[in-house]
Structure formats: C-alpha cells, structure tokens
C-alpha cells in the first residue's frame, strides 16, 4: 500500500535503493497502480480505516452487530438509537455489494479471463452472504444503523474499487508471475470453509432459541472464529486473482479488522462461559 508514497519520490539512476528493488519485486506479481486519484485514495482509506476498526475492537470499542450489538452504549438508552433486526441489517450490508458485483458483467463485458474470474468471485461471495442472511443464520440480536452504514459503505466501495481497478489494468502488461489459478484455489478453500463454519454456527440454535453457546466442530476446537479465518483466505484469493495493489490493501485491512474482532470475540466467550477452553485461540491456529 505504501507504493503510492514510494513512487512519488525521485529515483536516482546511479543508486538502486532498497525501495526500488522492493518495487521491482512487486512488479513481478502485481500490476502497476493506475494513475487514478480515486483508486489511490480508496487504497489508503481501506488500509487505514479497516486497520483502525481492528484496533478499536481490541480496545473494546466494537461495531454494533452480532453479540456486540449493544456494546459501547452503557450510558445511552438503546431506544434513542435507530436499530433493526440483524437479518435486515446484514441484508443492508451485503446487498449493495452483491448487486454491484453482478452488474460488473454488464458494465465491463468482454474484459478477459482475469476480470471475469474476479467479477465471478465477488458476485459469488456476496450472493452467499445474502443467501446466508436469509436462510442460514439464526439471529438473536439487533444491529445499530451507525454500525450498518460504515460496513455497508466499506463493502460497496471496495467492490466498486476492485472492479474499476481491474478495468484500468487493461493498459498494462500482465505480471510475469500469474497467480490466477492459485487465487481460484484460495478463494474456493475460503468460501467453502466459511460456509461450513457458518452452517455449524447455525446448528447451535434450535427454532426460537436465542442464547449463545460455545461452538463445536470443524476448526472451532482450535480457534473461536474460523469463519473469519476463511473469509480472510477468500480475500487473499481475490488478490491473487486480480493481482492489483488495491485488492492487496483491502485484504490486509480486512485481516487487521478481523484480527481485532476475533480477539474481542474470544474475550467475550471467556467472560460468558467458565468452561470455555483456554487453549482455543482467536483466529490463527496455535498462534493468536
């Protein structure tokens, strides 16, 4: 993400700085950033904003959805804030990004294999999230509007920017190292793993039940948020498919946010369940 800063510096032909060497290595597997103020700005915003949200989660200032829907509001009457059911909130979060991804086939038709794969991955990812919101997840809480809006904008704008950035790469030669097929594999591993663990979470509650339970099965015996881990894998798969600096910035930013969210989630389970296994990590097996 710091390429935008590096490329503004004056290069000295007689001296190859470490920064120049690093950028040369980047060019083997990543497209040059397009000359677009919009893409540059979005890359920086995505990286910084998502990272900041992750730090806020660790510090105890949470985005108000799921088990944290009423966090940060101890001194505020929850009735004073606009809220709606989690199902409606999640549909609001994912639907604009899904419609944008689906529309990309019409807006940028016949742009080549790489673009088609990226458009397909984005469309499938957000379709799955809309489908799960409607038919898989069993919600027990509400979602505050002031949390739904930034998440909706983040997914919507990241989808637009990822698609538009890919469109702008048409003027550049392909990177010497092609990561499309490893990216497809990563994406499929991520989306399947994410779906499976969402299914396991949905099975924790019977009809009409709303209480939380300690998740079991799959990787839940190792980390408390394997669904986040696989979502991160999905977005790195999209980076491999697209090979653009923006998609890398978003994947790194999303990693920071979900690291923070998973850390907060683990602490929540530790505070609510005396029998929660201490060896279960937050996100990265055996590490964090």
Protein backbone atom coordinates (compact mmCIF):
# COMPACT_ATOMS: atom_id res chain seq x y z
CA UNK A 1 0.00 0.00 0.00
CA UNK A 2 2.95 2.27 0.53
CA UNK A 3 3.85 2.05 -3.17
CA UNK A 4 1.87 5.25 -3.68
CA UNK A 5 4.29 7.04 -1.35
CA UNK A 6 7.41 5.41 -2.77
CA UNK A 7 6.63 6.19 -6.39
CA UNK A 8 6.33 9.90 -5.64
CA UNK A 9 9.99 10.01 -4.57
CA UNK A 10 12.71 10.93 -7.04
CA UNK A 11 14.66 7.93 -8.32
CA UNK A 12 18.45 8.18 -8.67
CA UNK A 13 19.63 6.09 -11.66
CA UNK A 14 23.09 5.55 -10.23
CA UNK A 15 21.78 4.08 -6.98
CA UNK A 16 19.28 1.29 -6.63
CA UNK A 17 17.68 1.85 -3.27
CA UNK A 18 16.07 -0.93 -1.31
CA UNK A 19 12.70 0.67 -2.08
CA UNK A 20 13.36 0.44 -5.82
CA UNK A 21 14.35 -3.20 -5.50
CA UNK A 22 11.21 -3.92 -3.49
CA UNK A 23 9.01 -2.26 -6.09
CA UNK A 24 10.80 -4.21 -8.82
CA UNK A 25 9.96 -7.43 -6.99
CA UNK A 26 6.34 -6.29 -6.63
CA UNK A 27 6.10 -5.75 -10.37
CA UNK A 28 6.69 -9.46 -10.94
CA UNK A 29 3.36 -10.41 -9.42
CA UNK A 30 1.32 -7.21 -9.22
CA UNK A 31 0.02 -4.72 -11.78
CA UNK A 32 1.39 -1.17 -11.53
CA UNK A 33 -1.08 1.09 -9.69
CA UNK A 34 -3.13 3.02 -12.26
CA UNK A 35 -2.85 6.80 -12.39
CA UNK A 36 -6.17 7.31 -10.64
CA UNK A 37 -6.73 9.62 -7.68
CA UNK A 38 -9.86 7.62 -6.84
CA UNK A 39 -8.04 4.27 -6.68
CA UNK A 40 -5.09 5.75 -4.78
CA UNK A 41 -7.40 7.39 -2.25
CA UNK A 42 -9.50 4.26 -1.79
CA UNK A 43 -6.39 2.12 -1.31
CA UNK A 44 -5.16 4.34 1.50
CA UNK A 45 -8.62 4.70 3.07
CA UNK A 46 -9.33 0.95 3.01
CA UNK A 47 -5.99 0.10 4.56
CA UNK A 48 -6.12 2.74 7.30
CA UNK A 49 -9.86 2.59 8.10
CA UNK A 50 -10.06 -1.20 8.40
CA UNK A 51 -6.88 -1.30 10.43
CA UNK A 52 -8.30 1.36 12.76
CA UNK A 53 -11.51 -0.63 13.20
CA UNK A 54 -9.41 -3.65 14.17
CA UNK A 55 -7.51 -1.64 16.79
CA UNK A 56 -10.81 -0.27 18.11
CA UNK A 57 -12.15 -3.82 18.54
CA UNK A 58 -9.09 -4.77 20.60
CA UNK A 59 -9.55 -1.65 22.73
CA UNK A 60 -13.17 -2.54 23.42
CA UNK A 61 -14.95 -0.14 21.06
CA UNK A 62 -16.96 -2.54 18.91
CA UNK A 63 -19.00 -2.36 15.76
CA UNK A 64 -22.58 -2.85 16.99
CA UNK A 65 -23.77 -6.10 15.48
CA UNK A 66 -23.98 -9.76 16.49
CA UNK A 67 -23.05 -10.35 20.15
CA UNK A 68 -21.70 -6.80 20.38
CA UNK A 69 -24.83 -5.10 19.09
CA UNK A 70 -25.40 -3.21 22.35
CA UNK A 71 -21.75 -2.58 23.23
CA UNK A 72 -20.47 0.97 23.81
CA UNK A 73 -23.98 2.09 24.83
CA UNK A 74 -23.96 1.58 28.59
CA UNK A 75 -24.83 5.21 29.22
CA UNK A 76 -27.21 5.62 26.32
CA UNK A 77 -30.79 4.47 26.11
CA UNK A 78 -30.77 1.93 23.27
CA UNK A 79 -34.16 3.25 22.23
CA UNK A 80 -32.54 6.57 21.31
CA UNK A 81 -30.55 4.91 18.51
CA UNK A 82 -32.04 3.63 15.29
CA UNK A 83 -31.76 -0.13 15.11
CA UNK A 84 -33.30 -3.02 13.22
CA UNK A 85 -33.15 -6.80 13.22
CA UNK A 86 -29.80 -8.40 12.47
CA UNK A 87 -31.28 -10.07 9.40
CA UNK A 88 -32.36 -6.73 7.92
CA UNK A 89 -29.04 -5.20 8.92
CA UNK A 90 -26.99 -7.91 7.23
CA UNK A 91 -29.08 -7.69 4.08
CA UNK A 92 -28.42 -3.95 4.07
CA UNK A 93 -24.70 -4.63 4.48
CA UNK A 94 -24.29 -7.18 1.68
CA UNK A 95 -26.96 -6.47 -0.95
CA UNK A 96 -25.42 -3.29 -2.48
CA UNK A 97 -22.06 -5.04 -2.91
CA UNK A 98 -23.76 -8.10 -4.44
CA UNK A 99 -25.74 -6.01 -6.94
CA UNK A 100 -22.60 -4.06 -7.85
CA UNK A 101 -20.60 -7.24 -8.43
CA UNK A 102 -23.38 -8.78 -10.53
CA UNK A 103 -23.70 -5.57 -12.59
CA UNK A 104 -19.98 -5.65 -13.40
CA UNK A 105 -20.60 -8.31 -16.08
CA UNK A 106 -22.82 -5.79 -17.89
CA UNK A 107 -20.77 -2.65 -17.17
CA UNK A 108 -17.41 -4.15 -18.19
CA UNK A 109 -18.21 -7.01 -20.61
CA UNK A 110 -15.55 -8.97 -22.50
CA UNK A 111 -12.63 -7.74 -20.43
CA UNK A 112 -10.79 -11.04 -20.41
CA UNK A 113 -10.43 -14.11 -18.25
CA UNK A 114 -8.90 -12.41 -15.20
CA UNK A 115 -11.67 -9.81 -14.94
CA UNK A 116 -14.38 -12.42 -15.46
CA UNK A 117 -12.95 -14.58 -12.68
CA UNK A 118 -12.73 -11.60 -10.31
CA UNK A 119 -16.29 -10.50 -11.11
CA UNK A 120 -17.48 -14.07 -10.55
CA UNK A 121 -15.65 -14.37 -7.23
CA UNK A 122 -17.08 -11.09 -5.92
CA UNK A 123 -20.59 -11.96 -7.08
CA UNK A 124 -20.44 -15.45 -5.55
CA UNK A 125 -19.01 -14.15 -2.28
CA UNK A 126 -21.74 -11.56 -1.73
CA UNK A 127 -24.52 -13.77 -3.08
CA UNK A 128 -23.50 -16.35 -0.47
CA UNK A 129 -23.65 -13.72 2.25
CA UNK A 130 -27.12 -12.57 1.17
CA UNK A 131 -28.30 -16.19 0.95
CA UNK A 132 -26.92 -16.99 4.42
CA UNK A 133 -28.54 -13.87 5.86
CA UNK A 134 -31.91 -15.02 4.55
CA UNK A 135 -31.79 -18.78 5.07
CA UNK A 136 -28.85 -19.93 7.22
CA UNK A 137 -28.04 -17.59 10.09
CA UNK A 138 -30.23 -17.63 13.20
CA UNK A 139 -30.06 -14.18 14.69
CA UNK A 140 -30.72 -13.22 18.28
CA UNK A 141 -29.92 -9.52 18.43
CA UNK A 142 -30.29 -6.23 16.61
CA UNK A 143 -27.97 -4.04 14.56
CA UNK A 144 -27.49 -0.32 15.03
CA UNK A 145 -27.72 1.90 11.98
CA UNK A 146 -24.50 3.73 12.84
CA UNK A 147 -22.63 0.42 12.54
CA UNK A 148 -24.52 -0.84 9.49
CA UNK A 149 -23.69 2.26 7.44
CA UNK A 150 -19.86 2.11 7.59
CA UNK A 151 -19.83 -1.65 6.96
CA UNK A 152 -22.21 -1.27 4.01
CA UNK A 153 -20.14 1.57 2.55
CA UNK A 154 -16.92 -0.39 3.06
CA UNK A 155 -18.11 -3.48 1.17
CA UNK A 156 -19.88 -1.43 -1.51
CA UNK A 157 -16.94 0.88 -2.19
CA UNK A 158 -14.37 -1.91 -2.03
CA UNK A 159 -16.34 -3.87 -4.62
CA UNK A 160 -16.59 -0.85 -6.92
CA UNK A 161 -12.90 -0.06 -6.50
CA UNK A 162 -11.72 -3.63 -7.02
CA UNK A 163 -13.72 -3.93 -10.24
CA UNK A 164 -12.73 -0.48 -11.52
CA UNK A 165 -9.05 -1.02 -10.70
CA UNK A 166 -9.12 -4.27 -12.66
CA UNK A 167 -10.67 -2.42 -15.58
CA UNK A 168 -7.82 0.10 -15.53
CA UNK A 169 -5.17 -2.64 -15.72
CA UNK A 170 -6.09 -3.27 -19.36
CA UNK A 171 -3.43 -0.75 -20.37
CA UNK A 172 -0.67 -2.63 -18.52
CA UNK A 173 1.18 -5.84 -19.43
CA UNK A 174 0.36 -8.89 -17.35
CA UNK A 175 2.61 -9.54 -14.32
CA UNK A 176 5.35 -12.07 -15.09
CA UNK A 177 4.05 -14.38 -12.36
CA UNK A 178 0.43 -15.42 -12.97
CA UNK A 179 -1.44 -16.01 -9.70
CA UNK A 180 -4.95 -16.50 -11.11
CA UNK A 181 -5.14 -20.26 -10.59
CA UNK A 182 -3.63 -20.26 -7.08
CA UNK A 183 -6.09 -17.43 -6.38
CA UNK A 184 -9.04 -19.51 -7.54
CA UNK A 185 -7.91 -22.34 -5.25
CA UNK A 186 -7.53 -19.98 -2.28
CA UNK A 187 -10.92 -18.43 -2.95
CA UNK A 188 -12.65 -21.81 -3.15
CA UNK A 189 -10.98 -23.01 0.05
CA UNK A 190 -12.03 -19.79 1.75
CA UNK A 191 -15.65 -19.75 0.62
CA UNK A 192 -16.19 -23.45 1.36
CA UNK A 193 -14.56 -23.19 4.79
CA UNK A 194 -16.50 -20.04 5.62
CA UNK A 195 -19.80 -21.61 4.53
CA UNK A 196 -19.17 -24.79 6.52
CA UNK A 197 -18.44 -22.96 9.76
CA UNK A 198 -21.42 -20.65 9.27
CA UNK A 199 -23.52 -23.82 8.93
CA UNK A 200 -22.08 -25.18 12.19
CA UNK A 201 -22.93 -21.91 13.94
CA UNK A 202 -26.50 -22.07 12.64
CA UNK A 203 -26.89 -25.55 14.15
CA UNK A 204 -26.15 -24.28 17.65
CA UNK A 205 -29.68 -22.92 17.97
CA UNK A 206 -32.99 -24.66 17.62
CA UNK A 207 -36.10 -22.92 16.38
CA UNK A 208 -36.87 -19.89 18.52
CA UNK A 209 -33.66 -20.15 20.56
CA UNK A 210 -31.57 -17.02 21.00
CA UNK A 211 -28.95 -17.84 23.62
CA UNK A 212 -25.28 -18.20 22.73
CA UNK A 213 -23.39 -21.49 23.08
CA UNK A 214 -19.75 -22.49 22.70
CA UNK A 215 -19.30 -23.51 19.03
CA UNK A 216 -18.08 -27.03 18.32
CA UNK A 217 -16.93 -28.96 15.27
CA UNK A 218 -14.68 -28.05 12.38
CA UNK A 219 -11.89 -25.72 13.46
CA UNK A 220 -13.87 -24.35 16.40
CA UNK A 221 -11.82 -26.59 18.69
CA UNK A 222 -8.70 -24.65 17.65
CA UNK A 223 -9.90 -21.08 17.02
CA UNK A 224 -13.12 -19.35 18.01
CA UNK A 225 -13.51 -17.55 14.66
CA UNK A 226 -12.61 -20.00 11.86
CA UNK A 227 -15.28 -18.35 9.69
CA UNK A 228 -13.25 -15.13 9.88
CA UNK A 229 -10.07 -17.02 9.02
CA UNK A 230 -11.65 -18.45 5.88
CA UNK A 231 -13.08 -15.05 4.93
CA UNK A 232 -9.55 -13.66 5.05
CA UNK A 233 -8.41 -16.53 2.82
CA UNK A 234 -11.19 -15.59 0.38
CA UNK A 235 -9.99 -12.01 0.08
CA UNK A 236 -6.38 -13.06 -0.41
CA UNK A 237 -7.69 -15.38 -3.11
CA UNK A 238 -9.29 -12.35 -4.76
CA UNK A 239 -5.97 -10.50 -4.50
CA UNK A 240 -4.21 -13.40 -6.24
CA UNK A 241 -6.89 -13.40 -8.93
CA UNK A 242 -6.73 -9.65 -9.53
CA UNK A 243 -3.06 -9.00 -8.72
CA UNK A 244 -3.77 -5.32 -8.05
CA UNK A 245 -2.39 -3.23 -5.24
CA UNK A 246 -5.88 -2.13 -4.18
CA UNK A 247 -7.07 -5.70 -3.62
CA UNK A 248 -3.94 -6.32 -1.54
CA UNK A 249 -4.60 -3.19 0.55
CA UNK A 250 -8.17 -4.31 1.18
CA UNK A 251 -7.13 -7.87 2.07
CA UNK A 252 -4.55 -6.59 4.56
CA UNK A 253 -7.01 -4.10 6.03
CA UNK A 254 -9.69 -6.79 6.36
CA UNK A 255 -7.12 -9.02 8.08
CA UNK A 256 -6.42 -6.33 10.68
CA UNK A 257 -10.13 -5.78 11.30
CA UNK A 258 -10.95 -9.47 11.70
CA UNK A 259 -7.90 -9.99 13.92
CA UNK A 260 -9.33 -7.34 16.24
CA UNK A 261 -12.89 -8.66 16.01
CA UNK A 262 -11.82 -12.24 16.71
CA UNK A 263 -9.73 -11.09 19.69
CA UNK A 264 -12.80 -9.33 21.10
CA UNK A 265 -14.96 -12.38 20.38
CA UNK A 266 -12.61 -14.70 22.27
CA UNK A 267 -12.60 -12.36 25.26
CA UNK A 268 -16.41 -12.26 25.14
CA UNK A 269 -16.64 -16.07 25.31
CA UNK A 270 -14.10 -16.16 28.14
CA UNK A 271 -16.24 -13.68 30.10
CA UNK A 272 -19.53 -15.52 29.46
CA UNK A 273 -18.56 -19.20 29.76
CA UNK A 274 -16.48 -20.56 32.64
CA UNK A 275 -15.88 -23.79 30.71
CA UNK A 276 -14.58 -22.07 27.58
CA UNK A 277 -11.32 -23.89 26.68
CA UNK A 278 -8.34 -21.58 27.25
CA UNK A 279 -6.30 -23.30 24.52
CA UNK A 280 -8.72 -22.13 21.81
CA UNK A 281 -7.15 -19.16 20.04
CA UNK A 282 -8.94 -16.22 18.42
CA UNK A 283 -8.15 -16.53 14.71
CA UNK A 284 -4.78 -18.10 13.83
CA UNK A 285 -4.43 -21.74 14.99
CA UNK A 286 -1.93 -22.16 17.85
CA UNK A 287 -0.69 -18.56 17.43
CA UNK A 288 -3.33 -15.85 18.06
